[in-house]
Amino acid sequence: MREEPGREPRAVNDARADREPHLTTGAERDLAVEHWLLSAAEDVRLARAQWQESGVALLRCSTLFGAVRVAGDVVHSAAGTSDPVEVSAFLTRMLEGGPVVFDRASRLYAVLVGPSVGRLREWATLRHADAEYVGRGRCLAVPPVTAKSPDGFRVYWSVPMSSPGELAPVDAVSRLLATGRHRMAPQERPGLE
């Protein structure tokens, strides 16, 4: 191999390139998250079509993720507001960046958690009027990754998934519920519809 004067050998250039940080764009991250979510779809083409046509796709809760659905009144009580921007900021902090979907029609938040959460006593055997675990054998209405605000969407990401497989810690979900329940008067505590 002949080296050109003033140029370092290729191996040195390659090694330097490996050390330079690679910046991932938001579009690349969204595409990676979308592909990860679609791996929970029964039919990927159908899920994509559902996102296009209705703004939600039904994805299976199974080995990738489960969800804890929480009544909106509990979340708003915990956050001290129902303003979507403020609630999103609160949930991002409270759930350590774990992803959350909000359905404005049902007023339910769905916090994406690990699939093993359903085996924990708190969720496997106990029933809660204001929260429920959605796991194996059930589907969750999930918006496209681009639905990151309530503008024009019935179901949107209140806290978008930041990277594939990044889910909310279950102890943070328990703290959210405890905070919301504590701040509500007993007669205001809602049930799931």
N, C-alpha and C. Protein backbone atom coordinates (compact mmCIF):
# COMPACT_ATOMS: atom_id res chain seq x y z
N MET A 1 0.85 -1.18 0.00
CA MET A 1 0.00 0.00 0.00
C MET A 1 0.88 1.24 0.00
N ARG A 2 0.64 2.12 -0.92
CA ARG A 2 1.44 3.32 -1.04
C ARG A 2 0.79 4.45 -0.26
N GLU A 3 1.52 5.12 0.58
CA GLU A 3 1.00 6.23 1.38
C GLU A 3 1.26 7.54 0.67
N GLU A 4 0.31 8.43 0.74
CA GLU A 4 0.47 9.76 0.16
C GLU A 4 1.16 10.65 1.18
N PRO A 5 2.05 11.51 0.72
CA PRO A 5 2.70 12.43 1.66
C PRO A 5 1.66 13.35 2.32
N GLY A 6 1.82 13.57 3.61
CA GLY A 6 0.93 14.46 4.35
C GLY A 6 -0.36 13.80 4.83
N ARG A 7 -0.60 12.55 4.45
CA ARG A 7 -1.81 11.84 4.91
C ARG A 7 -1.41 10.73 5.84
N GLU A 8 -2.18 10.56 6.87
CA GLU A 8 -1.91 9.46 7.79
C GLU A 8 -2.39 8.17 7.16
N PRO A 9 -1.79 7.06 7.55
CA PRO A 9 -2.26 5.77 7.03
C PRO A 9 -3.74 5.59 7.37
N ARG A 10 -4.49 4.88 6.54
CA ARG A 10 -5.93 4.68 6.68
C ARG A 10 -6.31 4.12 8.05
N ALA A 11 -5.55 3.19 8.57
CA ALA A 11 -5.88 2.58 9.87
C ALA A 11 -5.93 3.63 10.97
N VAL A 12 -5.06 4.62 10.92
CA VAL A 12 -5.07 5.68 11.92
C VAL A 12 -6.33 6.53 11.76
N ASN A 13 -6.68 6.87 10.52
CA ASN A 13 -7.90 7.65 10.29
C ASN A 13 -9.12 6.91 10.79
N ASP A 14 -9.22 5.59 10.52
CA ASP A 14 -10.36 4.80 10.96
C ASP A 14 -10.45 4.77 12.48
N ALA A 15 -9.33 4.62 13.14
CA ALA A 15 -9.33 4.58 14.61
C ALA A 15 -9.81 5.91 15.17
N ARG A 16 -9.40 7.00 14.55
CA ARG A 16 -9.84 8.31 15.02
C ARG A 16 -11.34 8.48 14.81
N ALA A 17 -11.85 8.00 13.70
CA ALA A 17 -13.28 8.10 13.43
C ALA A 17 -14.10 7.33 14.45
N ASP A 18 -13.57 6.20 14.92
CA ASP A 18 -14.28 5.41 15.93
C ASP A 18 -14.38 6.14 17.25
N ARG A 19 -13.44 7.03 17.53
CA ARG A 19 -13.45 7.76 18.80
C ARG A 19 -14.33 8.99 18.76
N GLU A 20 -14.64 9.48 17.56
CA GLU A 20 -15.47 10.68 17.45
C GLU A 20 -16.91 10.32 17.81
N PRO A 21 -17.57 11.15 18.59
CA PRO A 21 -18.95 10.83 18.96
C PRO A 21 -19.87 10.89 17.75
N HIS A 22 -20.80 9.97 17.72
CA HIS A 22 -21.81 9.95 16.66
C HIS A 22 -23.08 10.56 17.22
N LEU A 23 -23.57 11.58 16.59
CA LEU A 23 -24.81 12.20 17.03
C LEU A 23 -25.98 11.54 16.32
N THR A 24 -26.95 11.14 17.11
CA THR A 24 -28.15 10.53 16.56
C THR A 24 -29.21 11.62 16.46
N THR A 25 -29.80 11.74 15.30
CA THR A 25 -30.83 12.75 15.11
C THR A 25 -32.14 12.28 15.72
N GLY A 26 -33.04 13.23 15.95
CA GLY A 26 -34.36 12.87 16.47
C GLY A 26 -35.10 11.95 15.52
N ALA A 27 -34.94 12.17 14.22
CA ALA A 27 -35.62 11.31 13.23
C ALA A 27 -35.07 9.89 13.30
N GLU A 28 -33.76 9.74 13.47
CA GLU A 28 -33.16 8.40 13.60
C GLU A 28 -33.67 7.70 14.86
N ARG A 29 -33.73 8.45 15.94
CA ARG A 29 -34.21 7.89 17.20
C ARG A 29 -35.68 7.47 17.07
N ASP A 30 -36.50 8.34 16.47
CA ASP A 30 -37.90 8.00 16.27
C ASP A 30 -38.06 6.75 15.42
N LEU A 31 -37.25 6.62 14.38
CA LEU A 31 -37.33 5.44 13.52
C LEU A 31 -36.96 4.17 14.29
N ALA A 32 -35.94 4.26 15.13
CA ALA A 32 -35.53 3.10 15.94
C ALA A 32 -36.65 2.72 16.92
N VAL A 33 -37.26 3.71 17.56
CA VAL A 33 -38.35 3.45 18.49
C VAL A 33 -39.54 2.85 17.74
N GLU A 34 -39.85 3.40 16.58
CA GLU A 34 -40.97 2.87 15.78
C GLU A 34 -40.76 1.41 15.43
N HIS A 35 -39.55 1.07 15.00
CA HIS A 35 -39.26 -0.33 14.65
C HIS A 35 -39.40 -1.23 15.88
N TRP A 36 -38.94 -0.75 17.02
CA TRP A 36 -39.04 -1.54 18.25
C TRP A 36 -40.51 -1.75 18.61
N LEU A 37 -41.30 -0.68 18.56
CA LEU A 37 -42.73 -0.80 18.88
C LEU A 37 -43.43 -1.74 17.90
N LEU A 38 -43.10 -1.64 16.63
CA LEU A 38 -43.74 -2.48 15.62
C LEU A 38 -43.43 -3.96 15.80
N SER A 39 -42.37 -4.27 16.52
CA SER A 39 -42.09 -5.68 16.78
C SER A 39 -43.13 -6.29 17.72
N ALA A 40 -43.97 -5.45 18.33
CA ALA A 40 -45.06 -5.93 19.18
C ALA A 40 -46.38 -6.02 18.41
N ALA A 41 -46.35 -5.69 17.13
CA ALA A 41 -47.57 -5.73 16.32
C ALA A 41 -47.80 -7.14 15.80
N GLU A 42 -49.05 -7.53 15.76
CA GLU A 42 -49.44 -8.81 15.16
C GLU A 42 -49.11 -8.78 13.66
N ASP A 43 -49.40 -7.64 13.03
CA ASP A 43 -49.18 -7.45 11.61
C ASP A 43 -48.60 -6.04 11.43
N VAL A 44 -47.35 -5.96 11.02
CA VAL A 44 -46.66 -4.67 10.92
C VAL A 44 -47.35 -3.76 9.90
N ARG A 45 -47.73 -4.30 8.76
CA ARG A 45 -48.40 -3.47 7.74
C ARG A 45 -49.72 -2.91 8.27
N LEU A 46 -50.46 -3.74 8.97
CA LEU A 46 -51.73 -3.29 9.54
C LEU A 46 -51.49 -2.19 10.58
N ALA A 47 -50.49 -2.37 11.43
CA ALA A 47 -50.18 -1.36 12.45
C ALA A 47 -49.81 -0.02 11.81
N ARG A 48 -48.99 -0.07 10.77
CA ARG A 48 -48.64 1.17 10.06
C ARG A 48 -49.87 1.82 9.45
N ALA A 49 -50.75 1.00 8.87
CA ALA A 49 -51.98 1.52 8.28
C ALA A 49 -52.88 2.14 9.36
N GLN A 50 -52.96 1.50 10.53
CA GLN A 50 -53.76 2.04 11.63
C GLN A 50 -53.21 3.39 12.07
N TRP A 51 -51.89 3.52 12.15
CA TRP A 51 -51.30 4.81 12.52
C TRP A 51 -51.69 5.88 11.50
N GLN A 52 -51.64 5.53 10.22
CA GLN A 52 -51.97 6.49 9.15
C GLN A 52 -53.45 6.88 9.19
N GLU A 53 -54.32 5.89 9.36
CA GLU A 53 -55.75 6.11 9.23
C GLU A 53 -56.42 6.64 10.50
N SER A 54 -56.05 6.07 11.66
CA SER A 54 -56.77 6.44 12.88
C SER A 54 -55.90 7.08 13.96
N GLY A 55 -54.59 7.08 13.75
CA GLY A 55 -53.71 7.71 14.73
C GLY A 55 -53.32 6.81 15.90
N VAL A 56 -53.77 5.56 15.89
CA VAL A 56 -53.36 4.59 16.91
C VAL A 56 -53.25 3.20 16.29
N ALA A 57 -52.34 2.43 16.81
CA ALA A 57 -52.22 1.03 16.42
C ALA A 57 -52.36 0.19 17.68
N LEU A 58 -53.02 -0.95 17.56
CA LEU A 58 -53.14 -1.85 18.70
C LEU A 58 -51.91 -2.76 18.72
N LEU A 59 -51.11 -2.61 19.76
CA LEU A 59 -49.88 -3.39 19.91
C LEU A 59 -50.03 -4.35 21.08
N ARG A 60 -49.49 -5.55 20.91
CA ARG A 60 -49.58 -6.58 21.95
C ARG A 60 -48.64 -6.28 23.11
N CYS A 61 -49.16 -6.40 24.28
CA CYS A 61 -48.33 -6.35 25.48
C CYS A 61 -47.85 -7.78 25.70
N SER A 62 -46.56 -7.97 25.76
CA SER A 62 -46.04 -9.33 25.92
C SER A 62 -44.62 -9.30 26.42
N THR A 63 -43.71 -9.80 25.63
CA THR A 63 -42.32 -9.90 26.08
C THR A 63 -41.57 -8.58 26.01
N LEU A 64 -42.05 -7.61 25.24
CA LEU A 64 -41.36 -6.33 25.12
C LEU A 64 -41.74 -5.35 26.22
N PHE A 65 -43.03 -5.23 26.45
CA PHE A 65 -43.49 -4.24 27.43
C PHE A 65 -44.88 -4.59 27.91
N GLY A 66 -45.22 -3.99 29.03
CA GLY A 66 -46.57 -3.98 29.56
C GLY A 66 -46.90 -2.52 29.78
N ALA A 67 -48.03 -2.25 30.39
CA ALA A 67 -48.39 -0.87 30.67
C ALA A 67 -49.20 -0.81 31.96
N VAL A 68 -49.06 0.27 32.66
CA VAL A 68 -49.92 0.55 33.80
C VAL A 68 -50.80 1.73 33.38
N ARG A 69 -52.10 1.46 33.27
CA ARG A 69 -53.05 2.53 32.93
C ARG A 69 -53.46 3.21 34.22
N VAL A 70 -53.38 4.54 34.20
CA VAL A 70 -53.66 5.33 35.40
C VAL A 70 -54.73 6.37 35.05
N ALA A 71 -55.72 6.50 35.92
CA ALA A 71 -56.78 7.50 35.72
C ALA A 71 -56.18 8.89 35.67
N GLY A 72 -56.66 9.69 34.73
CA GLY A 72 -56.15 11.04 34.55
C GLY A 72 -56.26 11.90 35.81
N ASP A 73 -57.33 11.74 36.58
CA ASP A 73 -57.49 12.53 37.80
C ASP A 73 -56.36 12.27 38.80
N VAL A 74 -55.89 11.04 38.87
CA VAL A 74 -54.78 10.71 39.77
C VAL A 74 -53.50 11.39 39.30
N VAL A 75 -53.24 11.31 37.99
CA VAL A 75 -52.03 11.94 37.43
C VAL A 75 -52.10 13.44 37.61
N HIS A 76 -53.24 14.04 37.32
CA HIS A 76 -53.36 15.49 37.44
C HIS A 76 -53.25 15.95 38.89
N SER A 77 -53.77 15.14 39.80
CA SER A 77 -53.64 15.45 41.22
C SER A 77 -52.17 15.41 41.64
N ALA A 78 -51.46 14.38 41.19
CA ALA A 78 -50.03 14.26 41.52
C ALA A 78 -49.25 15.43 40.94
N ALA A 79 -49.57 15.82 39.70
CA ALA A 79 -48.86 16.91 39.03
C ALA A 79 -49.28 18.28 39.54
N GLY A 80 -50.46 18.36 40.15
CA GLY A 80 -50.97 19.66 40.61
C GLY A 80 -51.51 20.51 39.47
N THR A 81 -51.75 19.89 38.33
CA THR A 81 -52.26 20.61 37.16
C THR A 81 -52.79 19.61 36.14
N SER A 82 -53.62 20.12 35.23
CA SER A 82 -54.06 19.28 34.11
C SER A 82 -53.53 19.83 32.79
N ASP A 83 -52.72 20.89 32.86
CA ASP A 83 -52.12 21.47 31.66
C ASP A 83 -51.20 20.43 31.00
N PRO A 84 -51.44 20.07 29.73
CA PRO A 84 -50.67 19.00 29.09
C PRO A 84 -49.16 19.20 29.11
N VAL A 85 -48.69 20.41 28.90
CA VAL A 85 -47.25 20.67 28.89
C VAL A 85 -46.66 20.47 30.29
N GLU A 86 -47.34 20.99 31.29
CA GLU A 86 -46.86 20.86 32.67
C GLU A 86 -46.95 19.41 33.15
N VAL A 87 -48.01 18.70 32.78
CA VAL A 87 -48.14 17.29 33.16
C VAL A 87 -47.02 16.48 32.51
N SER A 88 -46.73 16.75 31.25
CA SER A 88 -45.64 16.03 30.56
C SER A 88 -44.30 16.26 31.26
N ALA A 89 -44.02 17.50 31.64
CA ALA A 89 -42.77 17.80 32.34
C ALA A 89 -42.72 17.08 33.69
N PHE A 90 -43.84 17.10 34.41
CA PHE A 90 -43.92 16.41 35.70
C PHE A 90 -43.69 14.91 35.53
N LEU A 91 -44.39 14.30 34.57
CA LEU A 91 -44.25 12.85 34.37
C LEU A 91 -42.83 12.48 33.94
N THR A 92 -42.22 13.30 33.13
CA THR A 92 -40.84 13.04 32.71
C THR A 92 -39.93 12.95 33.93
N ARG A 93 -40.10 13.87 34.88
CA ARG A 93 -39.29 13.85 36.11
C ARG A 93 -39.68 12.67 37.00
N MET A 94 -40.97 12.54 37.27
CA MET A 94 -41.47 11.54 38.21
C MET A 94 -41.16 10.12 37.75
N LEU A 95 -41.27 9.88 36.44
CA LEU A 95 -41.09 8.53 35.90
C LEU A 95 -39.72 8.33 35.27
N GLU A 96 -38.81 9.25 35.59
CA GLU A 96 -37.41 9.14 35.15
C GLU A 96 -37.29 8.95 33.65
N GLY A 97 -38.13 9.68 32.92
CA GLY A 97 -38.08 9.63 31.46
C GLY A 97 -38.81 8.46 30.84
N GLY A 98 -39.46 7.62 31.66
CA GLY A 98 -40.21 6.49 31.12
C GLY A 98 -41.36 6.97 30.25
N PRO A 99 -41.64 6.24 29.16
CA PRO A 99 -42.65 6.69 28.20
C PRO A 99 -44.08 6.57 28.72
N VAL A 100 -44.90 7.55 28.31
CA VAL A 100 -46.29 7.61 28.74
C VAL A 100 -47.16 8.04 27.55
N VAL A 101 -48.24 7.30 27.35
CA VAL A 101 -49.22 7.62 26.32
C VAL A 101 -50.47 8.16 27.03
N PHE A 102 -51.08 9.20 26.48
CA PHE A 102 -52.31 9.74 27.05
C PHE A 102 -53.42 9.66 26.01
N ASP A 103 -54.56 9.11 26.43
CA ASP A 103 -55.75 9.04 25.60
C ASP A 103 -56.73 10.08 26.11
N ARG A 104 -56.91 11.14 25.33
CA ARG A 104 -57.75 12.26 25.78
C ARG A 104 -59.21 11.86 25.91
N ALA A 105 -59.69 10.92 25.10
CA ALA A 105 -61.10 10.51 25.16
C ALA A 105 -61.40 9.75 26.45
N SER A 106 -60.53 8.81 26.81
CA SER A 106 -60.78 8.03 28.02
C SER A 106 -60.18 8.68 29.27
N ARG A 107 -59.34 9.69 29.07
CA ARG A 107 -58.62 10.37 30.16
C ARG A 107 -57.76 9.39 30.95
N LEU A 108 -57.14 8.46 30.23
CA LEU A 108 -56.24 7.48 30.85
C LEU A 108 -54.82 7.66 30.34
N TYR A 109 -53.89 7.59 31.27
CA TYR A 109 -52.47 7.59 30.93
C TYR A 109 -52.01 6.14 30.96
N ALA A 110 -51.17 5.76 30.01
CA ALA A 110 -50.59 4.41 29.98
C ALA A 110 -49.09 4.56 30.09
N VAL A 111 -48.54 4.11 31.21
CA VAL A 111 -47.10 4.17 31.45
C VAL A 111 -46.51 2.84 30.98
N LEU A 112 -45.58 2.89 30.04
CA LEU A 112 -44.97 1.66 29.54
C LEU A 112 -43.92 1.18 30.53
N VAL A 113 -44.06 -0.08 30.92
CA VAL A 113 -43.18 -0.69 31.92
C VAL A 113 -42.71 -2.06 31.40
N GLY A 114 -41.80 -2.65 32.10
CA GLY A 114 -41.32 -3.98 31.73
C GLY A 114 -42.41 -5.03 31.86
N PRO A 115 -42.32 -6.09 31.05
CA PRO A 115 -43.36 -7.12 31.08
C PRO A 115 -43.41 -7.91 32.38
N SER A 116 -42.34 -7.89 33.15
CA SER A 116 -42.32 -8.65 34.41
C SER A 116 -43.13 -7.97 35.51
N VAL A 117 -43.53 -6.74 35.30
CA VAL A 117 -44.31 -6.01 36.31
C VAL A 117 -45.59 -6.77 36.66
N GLY A 118 -46.18 -7.43 35.68
CA GLY A 118 -47.41 -8.17 35.91
C GLY A 118 -47.27 -9.33 36.88
N ARG A 119 -46.03 -9.74 37.15
CA ARG A 119 -45.81 -10.83 38.11
C ARG A 119 -45.62 -10.32 39.54
N LEU A 120 -45.49 -9.01 39.70
CA LEU A 120 -45.34 -8.45 41.04
C LEU A 120 -46.68 -8.50 41.76
N ARG A 121 -46.65 -8.80 43.05
CA ARG A 121 -47.87 -8.94 43.85
C ARG A 121 -48.78 -7.73 43.70
N GLU A 122 -48.20 -6.54 43.72
CA GLU A 122 -48.98 -5.31 43.64
C GLU A 122 -49.87 -5.28 42.40
N TRP A 123 -49.43 -5.90 41.31
CA TRP A 123 -50.19 -5.85 40.06
C TRP A 123 -50.82 -7.18 39.68
N ALA A 124 -50.27 -8.28 40.16
CA ALA A 124 -50.78 -9.60 39.78
C ALA A 124 -52.05 -9.98 40.53
N THR A 125 -52.14 -9.63 41.80
CA THR A 125 -53.26 -10.10 42.61
C THR A 125 -54.16 -8.98 43.12
N LEU A 126 -53.61 -7.81 43.29
CA LEU A 126 -54.41 -6.71 43.83
C LEU A 126 -55.13 -5.97 42.71
N ARG A 127 -56.31 -5.49 42.97
CA ARG A 127 -57.07 -4.71 42.01
C ARG A 127 -57.14 -3.27 42.51
N HIS A 128 -56.93 -2.35 41.58
CA HIS A 128 -56.96 -0.93 41.92
C HIS A 128 -58.08 -0.28 41.12
N ALA A 129 -58.83 0.59 41.76
CA ALA A 129 -59.91 1.28 41.07
C ALA A 129 -59.38 2.33 40.10
N ASP A 130 -58.18 2.86 40.36
CA ASP A 130 -57.66 3.97 39.57
C ASP A 130 -56.44 3.61 38.73
N ALA A 131 -56.04 2.34 38.73
CA ALA A 131 -54.88 1.91 37.95
C ALA A 131 -54.98 0.42 37.68
N GLU A 132 -54.49 0.00 36.53
CA GLU A 132 -54.48 -1.43 36.22
C GLU A 132 -53.27 -1.76 35.36
N TYR A 133 -52.78 -2.97 35.52
CA TYR A 133 -51.69 -3.46 34.68
C TYR A 133 -52.27 -4.09 33.43
N VAL A 134 -51.72 -3.73 32.28
CA VAL A 134 -52.12 -4.30 30.99
C VAL A 134 -50.92 -5.11 30.51
N GLY A 135 -51.11 -6.43 30.45
CA GLY A 135 -49.98 -7.29 30.10
C GLY A 135 -50.33 -8.34 29.07
N ARG A 136 -49.62 -9.44 29.16
CA ARG A 136 -49.72 -10.53 28.19
C ARG A 136 -51.17 -10.86 27.85
N GLY A 137 -51.42 -11.00 26.56
CA GLY A 137 -52.76 -11.34 26.10
C GLY A 137 -53.65 -10.14 25.86
N ARG A 138 -53.15 -8.95 26.13
CA ARG A 138 -53.95 -7.73 25.92
C ARG A 138 -53.21 -6.80 24.98
N CYS A 139 -53.96 -5.88 24.41
CA CYS A 139 -53.37 -4.90 23.49
C CYS A 139 -53.49 -3.50 24.07
N LEU A 140 -52.62 -2.64 23.61
CA LEU A 140 -52.60 -1.25 24.04
C LEU A 140 -52.68 -0.37 22.80
N ALA A 141 -53.52 0.65 22.83
CA ALA A 141 -53.60 1.63 21.74
C ALA A 141 -52.39 2.55 21.86
N VAL A 142 -51.52 2.51 20.85
CA VAL A 142 -50.28 3.27 20.87
C VAL A 142 -50.26 4.21 19.66
N PRO A 143 -49.97 5.49 19.90
CA PRO A 143 -49.91 6.44 18.78
C PRO A 143 -48.60 6.30 18.02
N PRO A 144 -48.51 6.90 16.83
CA PRO A 144 -47.22 6.90 16.13
C PRO A 144 -46.21 7.71 16.94
N VAL A 145 -44.94 7.44 16.74
CA VAL A 145 -43.92 8.12 17.54
C VAL A 145 -43.88 9.62 17.29
N THR A 146 -44.48 10.07 16.21
CA THR A 146 -44.49 11.50 15.90
C THR A 146 -45.60 12.26 16.63
N ALA A 147 -46.52 11.55 17.27
CA ALA A 147 -47.62 12.20 17.99
C ALA A 147 -47.13 12.58 19.39
N LYS A 148 -46.45 13.71 19.47
CA LYS A 148 -45.80 14.11 20.73
C LYS A 148 -46.46 15.30 21.41
N SER A 149 -47.64 15.67 20.95
CA SER A 149 -48.39 16.74 21.61
C SER A 149 -49.88 16.49 21.35
N PRO A 150 -50.74 17.12 22.14
CA PRO A 150 -52.17 16.88 21.95
C PRO A 150 -52.72 17.52 20.67
N ASP A 151 -51.94 18.36 20.03
CA ASP A 151 -52.41 19.08 18.84
C ASP A 151 -52.74 18.10 17.71
N GLY A 152 -54.03 17.93 17.48
CA GLY A 152 -54.49 17.09 16.38
C GLY A 152 -54.52 15.60 16.67
N PHE A 153 -54.20 15.19 17.87
CA PHE A 153 -54.17 13.76 18.20
C PHE A 153 -55.09 13.46 19.38
N ARG A 154 -55.87 12.40 19.26
CA ARG A 154 -56.68 11.95 20.40
C ARG A 154 -55.80 11.21 21.39
N VAL A 155 -54.87 10.41 20.87
CA VAL A 155 -53.91 9.67 21.69
C VAL A 155 -52.52 10.16 21.30
N TYR A 156 -51.73 10.54 22.29
CA TYR A 156 -50.39 11.06 21.99
C TYR A 156 -49.41 10.66 23.09
N TRP A 157 -48.12 10.84 22.80
CA TRP A 157 -47.06 10.55 23.77
C TRP A 157 -46.94 11.75 24.71
N SER A 158 -47.42 11.61 25.93
CA SER A 158 -47.24 12.66 26.92
C SER A 158 -45.76 12.74 27.29
N VAL A 159 -45.12 11.57 27.37
CA VAL A 159 -43.66 11.47 27.51
C VAL A 159 -43.21 10.52 26.41
N PRO A 160 -42.58 11.05 25.36
CA PRO A 160 -42.14 10.17 24.26
C PRO A 160 -41.07 9.18 24.71
N MET A 161 -41.07 8.03 24.04
CA MET A 161 -40.04 7.02 24.31
C MET A 161 -38.72 7.56 23.74
N SER A 162 -37.70 7.67 24.58
CA SER A 162 -36.45 8.29 24.14
C SER A 162 -35.54 7.35 23.36
N SER A 163 -35.67 6.05 23.59
CA SER A 163 -34.90 5.08 22.81
C SER A 163 -35.58 3.73 22.93
N PRO A 164 -35.33 2.84 21.98
CA PRO A 164 -36.00 1.53 21.99
C PRO A 164 -35.79 0.80 23.32
N GLY A 165 -36.87 0.30 23.88
CA GLY A 165 -36.79 -0.50 25.09
C GLY A 165 -36.64 0.27 26.38
N GLU A 166 -36.57 1.59 26.32
CA GLU A 166 -36.45 2.39 27.55
C GLU A 166 -37.84 2.54 28.16
N LEU A 167 -38.03 1.91 29.31
CA LEU A 167 -39.34 1.86 29.96
C LEU A 167 -39.29 2.51 31.33
N ALA A 168 -40.44 2.78 31.90
CA ALA A 168 -40.51 3.42 33.22
C ALA A 168 -40.23 2.40 34.32
N PRO A 169 -39.46 2.80 35.33
CA PRO A 169 -39.24 1.91 36.47
C PRO A 169 -40.54 1.76 37.27
N VAL A 170 -40.85 0.54 37.67
CA VAL A 170 -42.12 0.28 38.35
C VAL A 170 -42.19 1.01 39.70
N ASP A 171 -41.07 1.19 40.38
CA ASP A 171 -41.13 1.92 41.65
C ASP A 171 -41.51 3.38 41.43
N ALA A 172 -41.13 3.95 40.29
CA ALA A 172 -41.51 5.32 39.98
C ALA A 172 -43.02 5.40 39.71
N VAL A 173 -43.57 4.37 39.08
CA VAL A 173 -45.02 4.32 38.84
C VAL A 173 -45.76 4.23 40.17
N SER A 174 -45.25 3.42 41.08
CA SER A 174 -45.86 3.30 42.42
C SER A 174 -45.82 4.64 43.15
N ARG A 175 -44.71 5.37 43.03
CA ARG A 175 -44.61 6.70 43.67
C ARG A 175 -45.61 7.67 43.05
N LEU A 176 -45.78 7.61 41.73
CA LEU A 176 -46.76 8.46 41.06
C LEU A 176 -48.16 8.21 41.61
N LEU A 177 -48.53 6.94 41.70
CA LEU A 177 -49.86 6.59 42.22
C LEU A 177 -50.02 7.03 43.67
N ALA A 178 -49.01 6.78 44.50
CA ALA A 178 -49.10 7.17 45.91
C ALA A 178 -49.24 8.68 46.06
N THR A 179 -48.48 9.43 45.26
CA THR A 179 -48.55 10.89 45.32
C THR A 179 -49.92 11.39 44.90
N GLY A 180 -50.43 10.88 43.77
CA GLY A 180 -51.74 11.31 43.29
C GLY A 180 -52.85 10.96 44.25
N ARG A 181 -52.81 9.74 44.78
CA ARG A 181 -53.85 9.31 45.73
C ARG A 181 -53.80 10.13 47.01
N HIS A 182 -52.61 10.42 47.48
CA HIS A 182 -52.44 11.19 48.72
C HIS A 182 -53.01 12.60 48.57
N ARG A 183 -52.82 13.18 47.40
CA ARG A 183 -53.25 14.56 47.19
C ARG A 183 -54.75 14.69 46.90
N MET A 184 -55.42 13.57 46.70
CA MET A 184 -56.86 13.59 46.41
C MET A 184 -57.65 13.33 47.69
N ALA A 185 -58.78 13.97 47.78
CA ALA A 185 -59.69 13.65 48.88
C ALA A 185 -60.30 12.28 48.59
N PRO A 186 -60.62 11.49 49.63
CA PRO A 186 -61.14 10.14 49.41
C PRO A 186 -62.35 10.09 48.48
N GLN A 187 -63.25 11.05 48.55
CA GLN A 187 -64.43 11.01 47.70
C GLN A 187 -64.12 11.36 46.24
N GLU A 188 -62.94 11.92 45.97
CA GLU A 188 -62.56 12.28 44.60
C GLU A 188 -61.84 11.15 43.87
N ARG A 189 -61.47 10.11 44.55
CA ARG A 189 -60.67 9.04 43.93
C ARG A 189 -61.50 8.32 42.87
N PRO A 190 -61.03 8.38 41.63
CA PRO A 190 -61.81 7.79 40.54
C PRO A 190 -61.54 6.30 40.36
N GLY A 191 -62.38 5.70 39.57
CA GLY A 191 -62.14 4.33 39.13
C GLY A 191 -61.85 4.34 37.65
N LEU A 192 -61.39 3.25 37.13
CA LEU A 192 -61.20 3.14 35.69
C LEU A 192 -62.54 2.83 35.05
N GLU A 193 -62.77 3.41 33.90
CA GLU A 193 -64.04 3.16 33.21
C GLU A 193 -63.87 2.08 32.19
